C-alpha atoms as a PDB file:
ATOM      1  CA  UNK A   1       0.000   0.000   0.000  1.00  0.00           C
ATOM      2  CA  UNK A   2       2.808   2.421   0.929  1.00  0.00           C
ATOM      3  CA  UNK A   3       4.681   1.624  -2.294  1.00  0.00           C
ATOM      4  CA  UNK A   4       1.554   2.218  -4.378  1.00  0.00           C
ATOM      5  CA  UNK A   5       0.921   5.548  -2.622  1.00  0.00           C
ATOM      6  CA  UNK A   6       4.562   6.564  -3.033  1.00  0.00           C
ATOM      7  CA  UNK A   7       4.430   5.622  -6.712  1.00  0.00           C
ATOM      8  CA  UNK A   8       1.277   7.679  -7.258  1.00  0.00           C
ATOM      9  CA  UNK A   9       2.808  10.664  -5.446  1.00  0.00           C
ATOM     10  CA  UNK A  10       5.974  10.461  -7.542  1.00  0.00           C
ATOM     11  CA  UNK A  11       3.957  10.227 -10.754  1.00  0.00           C
ATOM     12  CA  UNK A  12       1.863  13.217  -9.702  1.00  0.00           C
ATOM     13  CA  UNK A  13       5.010  15.180  -8.871  1.00  0.00           C
ATOM     14  CA  UNK A  14       6.423  14.486 -12.331  1.00  0.00           C
ATOM     15  CA  UNK A  15       3.204  15.662 -13.972  1.00  0.00           C
ATOM     16  CA  UNK A  16       3.165  18.824 -11.876  1.00  0.00           C
ATOM     17  CA  UNK A  17       6.833  19.607 -12.609  1.00  0.00           C
ATOM     18  CA  UNK A  18       5.968  20.078 -16.259  1.00  0.00           C
ATOM     19  CA  UNK A  19       3.854  23.138 -15.414  1.00  0.00           C
ATOM     20  CA  UNK A  20       5.850  25.212 -12.914  1.00  0.00           C
ATOM     21  CA  UNK A  21       9.293  26.771 -12.443  1.00  0.00           C
ATOM     22  CA  UNK A  22      12.316  26.504 -10.157  1.00  0.00           C
ATOM     23  CA  UNK A  23      15.430  24.343  -9.690  1.00  0.00           C
ATOM     24  CA  UNK A  24      17.074  22.333  -6.972  1.00  0.00           C
ATOM     25  CA  UNK A  25      19.702  19.700  -6.292  1.00  0.00           C
ATOM     26  CA  UNK A  26      21.068  18.305  -3.075  1.00  0.00           C
ATOM     27  CA  UNK A  27      24.243  16.646  -1.903  1.00  0.00           C
ATOM     28  CA  UNK A  28      23.923  13.037  -0.796  1.00  0.00           C
ATOM     29  CA  UNK A  29      27.208  11.489   0.201  1.00  0.00           C
ATOM     30  CA  UNK A  30      29.063  13.676  -2.267  1.00  0.00           C
ATOM     31  CA  UNK A  31      27.209  12.181  -5.245  1.00  0.00           C
ATOM     32  CA  UNK A  32      24.698  13.943  -7.481  1.00  0.00           C
ATOM     33  CA  UNK A  33      21.091  13.421  -6.406  1.00  0.00           C
ATOM     34  CA  UNK A  34      18.488  14.873  -8.704  1.00  0.00           C
ATOM     35  CA  UNK A  35      15.586  16.688  -7.077  1.00  0.00           C
ATOM     36  CA  UNK A  36      12.497  17.774  -8.987  1.00  0.00           C
ATOM     37  CA  UNK A  37      13.319  21.179 -10.428  1.00  0.00           C
ATOM     38  CA  UNK A  38       9.834  22.604 -10.036  1.00  0.00           C
ATOM     39  CA  UNK A  39       9.026  22.313 -13.720  1.00  0.00           C
ATOM     40  CA  UNK A  40      12.199  23.572 -15.369  1.00  0.00           C
ATOM     41  CA  UNK A  41      13.256  21.433 -18.287  1.00  0.00           C
ATOM     42  CA  UNK A  42      16.675  23.074 -18.744  1.00  0.00           C
ATOM     43  CA  UNK A  43      18.718  23.059 -15.547  1.00  0.00           C
ATOM     44  CA  UNK A  44      22.305  24.219 -15.130  1.00  0.00           C
ATOM     45  CA  UNK A  45      24.500  23.978 -12.069  1.00  0.00           C
ATOM     46  CA  UNK A  46      27.172  26.570 -11.247  1.00  0.00           C
ATOM     47  CA  UNK A  47      30.660  25.097 -10.961  1.00  0.00           C
ATOM     48  CA  UNK A  48      30.769  25.457  -7.166  1.00  0.00           C
ATOM     49  CA  UNK A  49      27.450  23.570  -6.762  1.00  0.00           C
ATOM     50  CA  UNK A  50      28.096  20.614  -9.063  1.00  0.00           C
ATOM     51  CA  UNK A  51      28.033  17.088  -7.713  1.00  0.00           C
ATOM     52  CA  UNK A  52      29.855  14.053  -9.063  1.00  0.00           C
ATOM     53  CA  UNK A  53      27.753  11.778 -11.238  1.00  0.00           C
ATOM     54  CA  UNK A  54      27.613   8.139 -10.192  1.00  0.00           C
ATOM     55  CA  UNK A  55      29.640   5.756 -12.323  1.00  0.00           C
ATOM     56  CA  UNK A  56      27.327   4.814 -15.166  1.00  0.00           C
ATOM     57  CA  UNK A  57      28.485   1.549 -16.712  1.00  0.00           C
ATOM     58  CA  UNK A  58      26.965  -1.414 -18.488  1.00  0.00           C
ATOM     59  CA  UNK A  59      26.958  -3.505 -21.631  1.00  0.00           C
ATOM     60  CA  UNK A  60      28.117  -1.718 -24.773  1.00  0.00           C
ATOM     61  CA  UNK A  61      25.075  -1.783 -27.060  1.00  0.00           C
ATOM     62  CA  UNK A  62      26.978  -2.365 -30.299  1.00  0.00           C
ATOM     63  CA  UNK A  63      29.780  -4.582 -28.967  1.00  0.00           C
ATOM     64  CA  UNK A  64      28.334  -7.590 -27.166  1.00  0.00           C
ATOM     65  CA  UNK A  65      30.552  -8.828 -24.354  1.00  0.00           C
ATOM     66  CA  UNK A  66      32.194  -5.425 -23.916  1.00  0.00           C
ATOM     67  CA  UNK A  67      31.507  -3.012 -21.066  1.00  0.00           C
ATOM     68  CA  UNK A  68      31.159   0.741 -21.490  1.00  0.00           C
ATOM     69  CA  UNK A  69      31.559   3.225 -18.650  1.00  0.00           C
ATOM     70  CA  UNK A  70      31.798   6.969 -18.229  1.00  0.00           C
ATOM     71  CA  UNK A  71      35.073   6.157 -16.479  1.00  0.00           C
ATOM     72  CA  UNK A  72      36.421   5.150 -19.918  1.00  0.00           C
ATOM     73  CA  UNK A  73      36.557   8.900 -20.687  1.00  0.00           C
ATOM     74  CA  UNK A  74      38.618  10.505 -17.888  1.00  0.00           C
ATOM     75  CA  UNK A  75      39.071  14.260 -18.106  1.00  0.00           C
ATOM     76  CA  UNK A  76      36.454  14.636 -20.839  1.00  0.00           C
ATOM     77  CA  UNK A  77      33.192  16.555 -20.700  1.00  0.00           C
ATOM     78  CA  UNK A  78      30.405  14.067 -21.402  1.00  0.00           C
ATOM     79  CA  UNK A  79      26.928  14.346 -22.870  1.00  0.00           C
ATOM     80  CA  UNK A  80      24.828  11.456 -21.543  1.00  0.00           C
ATOM     81  CA  UNK A  81      21.639  10.995 -23.561  1.00  0.00           C
ATOM     82  CA  UNK A  82      18.843   8.743 -22.300  1.00  0.00           C
ATOM     83  CA  UNK A  83      16.986   7.223 -25.231  1.00  0.00           C
ATOM     84  CA  UNK A  84      15.034   4.237 -26.505  1.00  0.00           C
ATOM     85  CA  UNK A  85      14.274   3.115 -30.039  1.00  0.00           C
ATOM     86  CA  UNK A  86      10.583   2.963 -29.026  1.00  0.00           C
ATOM     87  CA  UNK A  87      10.623   6.718 -28.265  1.00  0.00           C
ATOM     88  CA  UNK A  88       9.327   8.976 -31.075  1.00  0.00           C
ATOM     89  CA  UNK A  89      11.179  12.122 -29.932  1.00  0.00           C
ATOM     90  CA  UNK A  90      14.381  10.065 -29.652  1.00  0.00           C
ATOM     91  CA  UNK A  91      14.133   9.296 -33.363  1.00  0.00           C
ATOM     92  CA  UNK A  92      14.021  13.012 -34.186  1.00  0.00           C
ATOM     93  CA  UNK A  93      16.748  13.791 -31.659  1.00  0.00           C
ATOM     94  CA  UNK A  94      19.291  11.163 -32.788  1.00  0.00           C
ATOM     95  CA  UNK A  95      20.678  13.118 -35.796  1.00  0.00           C
ATOM     96  CA  UNK A  96      21.085  16.189 -33.577  1.00  0.00           C
ATOM     97  CA  UNK A  97      23.128  14.155 -31.100  1.00  0.00           C
ATOM     98  CA  UNK A  98      25.290  12.822 -33.927  1.00  0.00           C
ATOM     99  CA  UNK A  99      25.886  16.396 -35.083  1.00  0.00           C
ATOM    100  CA  UNK A 100      26.725  17.462 -31.519  1.00  0.00           C
ATOM    101  CA  UNK A 101      29.048  14.469 -31.173  1.00  0.00           C
ATOM    102  CA  UNK A 102      31.046  15.546 -34.220  1.00  0.00           C
ATOM    103  CA  UNK A 103      31.131  19.195 -33.132  1.00  0.00           C
ATOM    104  CA  UNK A 104      32.290  18.505 -29.559  1.00  0.00           C
ATOM    105  CA  UNK A 105      34.876  15.825 -30.397  1.00  0.00           C
ATOM    106  CA  UNK A 106      37.552  18.431 -31.275  1.00  0.00           C
ATOM    107  CA  UNK A 107      36.959  19.912 -27.801  1.00  0.00           C
ATOM    108  CA  UNK A 108      37.878  16.566 -26.231  1.00  0.00           C
ATOM    109  CA  UNK A 109      34.269  15.835 -25.267  1.00  0.00           C
ATOM    110  CA  UNK A 110      32.144  12.747 -25.871  1.00  0.00           C
ATOM    111  CA  UNK A 111      28.478  11.827 -26.350  1.00  0.00           C
ATOM    112  CA  UNK A 112      27.374   8.577 -24.714  1.00  0.00           C
ATOM    113  CA  UNK A 113      23.902   7.128 -25.111  1.00  0.00           C
ATOM    114  CA  UNK A 114      22.041   5.279 -22.386  1.00  0.00           C
ATOM    115  CA  UNK A 115      19.545   3.013 -24.149  1.00  0.00           C
ATOM    116  CA  UNK A 116      16.780   2.285 -21.661  1.00  0.00           C
ATOM    117  CA  UNK A 117      13.878  -0.160 -21.700  1.00  0.00           C
ATOM    118  CA  UNK A 118      14.846  -1.791 -25.006  1.00  0.00           C
ATOM    119  CA  UNK A 119      14.633  -5.537 -24.295  1.00  0.00           C
ATOM    120  CA  UNK A 120      15.525  -6.500 -27.892  1.00  0.00           C
ATOM    121  CA  UNK A 121      19.152  -5.550 -28.340  1.00  0.00           C
ATOM    122  CA  UNK A 122      19.064  -6.207 -32.095  1.00  0.00           C
ATOM    123  CA  UNK A 123      16.224  -3.704 -32.585  1.00  0.00           C
ATOM    124  CA  UNK A 124      18.168  -1.032 -30.682  1.00  0.00           C
ATOM    125  CA  UNK A 125      21.279  -1.876 -32.724  1.00  0.00           C
ATOM    126  CA  UNK A 126      19.257  -1.451 -35.931  1.00  0.00           C
ATOM    127  CA  UNK A 127      18.139   1.978 -34.673  1.00  0.00           C
ATOM    128  CA  UNK A 128      21.791   3.006 -34.275  1.00  0.00           C
ATOM    129  CA  UNK A 129      22.879   1.594 -37.647  1.00  0.00           C
ATOM    130  CA  UNK A 130      19.885   3.015 -39.558  1.00  0.00           C
ATOM    131  CA  UNK A 131      20.636   6.513 -38.262  1.00  0.00           C
ATOM    132  CA  UNK A 132      24.398   6.285 -38.736  1.00  0.00           C
ATOM    133  CA  UNK A 133      25.110   7.029 -35.066  1.00  0.00           C
ATOM    134  CA  UNK A 134      28.812   6.800 -34.259  1.00  0.00           C
ATOM    135  CA  UNK A 135      28.815   7.586 -30.530  1.00  0.00           C
ATOM    136  CA  UNK A 136      28.649   4.630 -28.108  1.00  0.00           C
ATOM    137  CA  UNK A 137      25.655   3.626 -26.009  1.00  0.00           C
ATOM    138  CA  UNK A 138      25.231   1.646 -22.818  1.00  0.00           C
ATOM    139  CA  UNK A 139      22.482  -0.952 -23.245  1.00  0.00           C
ATOM    140  CA  UNK A 140      20.247  -0.832 -20.154  1.00  0.00           C
ATOM    141  CA  UNK A 141      17.098  -2.902 -20.824  1.00  0.00           C
ATOM    142  CA  UNK A 142      16.292  -3.400 -17.137  1.00  0.00           C
ATOM    143  CA  UNK A 143      16.976   0.181 -16.059  1.00  0.00           C
ATOM    144  CA  UNK A 144      19.646  -0.833 -13.530  1.00  0.00           C
ATOM    145  CA  UNK A 145      22.175   1.680 -14.850  1.00  0.00           C
ATOM    146  CA  UNK A 146      19.548   4.433 -14.838  1.00  0.00           C
ATOM    147  CA  UNK A 147      18.807   3.621 -11.184  1.00  0.00           C
ATOM    148  CA  UNK A 148      22.300   4.894 -10.336  1.00  0.00           C
ATOM    149  CA  UNK A 149      20.989   8.426 -10.954  1.00  0.00           C
ATOM    150  CA  UNK A 150      19.328   8.892  -7.583  1.00  0.00           C
ATOM    151  CA  UNK A 151      16.032  10.740  -7.830  1.00  0.00           C
ATOM    152  CA  UNK A 152      16.251  11.101 -11.617  1.00  0.00           C
ATOM    153  CA  UNK A 153      12.843  10.930 -13.342  1.00  0.00           C
ATOM    154  CA  UNK A 154      12.965   7.581 -15.118  1.00  0.00           C
ATOM    155  CA  UNK A 155       9.956   8.251 -17.313  1.00  0.00           C
ATOM    156  CA  UNK A 156      11.336  11.354 -19.045  1.00  0.00           C
ATOM    157  CA  UNK A 157      12.824   9.958 -22.221  1.00  0.00           C
ATOM    158  CA  UNK A 158      14.574  11.493 -24.026  1.00  0.00           C
ATOM    159  CA  UNK A 159      16.590  13.499 -21.556  1.00  0.00           C
ATOM    160  CA  UNK A 160      20.227  14.499 -21.388  1.00  0.00           C
ATOM    161  CA  UNK A 161      22.830  15.158 -18.710  1.00  0.00           C
ATOM    162  CA  UNK A 162      26.000  17.103 -19.417  1.00  0.00           C
ATOM    163  CA  UNK A 163      28.986  16.327 -17.196  1.00  0.00           C
ATOM    164  CA  UNK A 164      32.019  18.550 -16.800  1.00  0.00           C
ATOM    165  CA  UNK A 165      35.590  17.233 -17.168  1.00  0.00           C
ATOM    166  CA  UNK A 166      35.495  15.998 -13.563  1.00  0.00           C
ATOM    167  CA  UNK A 167      32.249  14.137 -14.358  1.00  0.00           C
ATOM    168  CA  UNK A 168      30.150  16.407 -12.192  1.00  0.00           C
ATOM    169  CA  UNK A 169      26.638  17.194 -13.421  1.00  0.00           C
ATOM    170  CA  UNK A 170      26.739  20.635 -15.048  1.00  0.00           C
ATOM    171  CA  UNK A 171      23.419  20.609 -16.918  1.00  0.00           C
ATOM    172  CA  UNK A 172      20.256  18.561 -17.336  1.00  0.00           C
ATOM    173  CA  UNK A 173      17.789  18.759 -20.217  1.00  0.00           C
ATOM    174  CA  UNK A 174      14.465  17.079 -19.471  1.00  0.00           C
ATOM    175  CA  UNK A 175      13.396  17.265 -23.107  1.00  0.00           C
ATOM    176  CA  UNK A 176      14.472  16.533 -26.650  1.00  0.00           C
ATOM    177  CA  UNK A 177      17.670  18.456 -27.438  1.00  0.00           C
ATOM    178  CA  UNK A 178      19.284  20.037 -30.458  1.00  0.00           C
ATOM    179  CA  UNK A 179      23.000  20.228 -31.189  1.00  0.00           C
ATOM    180  CA  UNK A 180      22.623  23.995 -30.677  1.00  0.00           C
ATOM    181  CA  UNK A 181      21.532  23.308 -27.064  1.00  0.00           C
ATOM    182  CA  UNK A 182      24.498  21.085 -26.265  1.00  0.00           C
ATOM    183  CA  UNK A 183      27.491  22.519 -28.089  1.00  0.00           C
ATOM    184  CA  UNK A 184      27.579  25.887 -26.236  1.00  0.00           C
ATOM    185  CA  UNK A 185      27.353  24.100 -22.878  1.00  0.00           C
ATOM    186  CA  UNK A 186      30.215  21.774 -23.785  1.00  0.00           C
ATOM    187  CA  UNK A 187      32.266  24.703 -25.112  1.00  0.00           C
ATOM    188  CA  UNK A 188      31.912  26.470 -21.744  1.00  0.00           C
ATOM    189  CA  UNK A 189      32.828  23.282 -19.866  1.00  0.00           C
ATOM    190  CA  UNK A 190      35.837  22.649 -22.081  1.00  0.00           C
ATOM    191  CA  UNK A 191      37.151  26.135 -21.264  1.00  0.00           C
ATOM    192  CA  UNK A 192      36.997  25.432 -17.518  1.00  0.00           C
ATOM    193  CA  UNK A 193      40.246  24.467 -15.787  1.00  0.00           C
END
């Protein structure tokens, strides 16, 4: 009963956050914990308030038997995009992420996908191949990797996190993004010491 009530309250909170304003984040053991931003869909964190992202790691979508982790990219700003081949907006967003990936690579930054709730790996792989996506993705059919993002709204797909070079969360986009949303953020992060 308590779980059902908690689930309904969380769902209601996510619906309400789409209609109001504000932002918030808290420290929990030195690791980033997302807190409902009061309806903002674009959230940025000043350098002195950023919290380290948890280590996101799992099966490499395109290379079975290989693991992929954000720790594979030390010292690089990262764009972490949550997507699923079943998600209509993700289909429109994918070419924008590929464009962003190519534009931020010379800055020493990297796009990484987090493919969620896609139980058929081959279908997700076809999505990547059909769109000519060259950036890697973690395959997370069960959502276990996504669970590492404490408090993060799991039903907002697509969404994107941007990590600074120390892998602290610098920005969150709770919506479909364009390359023009991401590139300026990564340029600012790349200029940080």
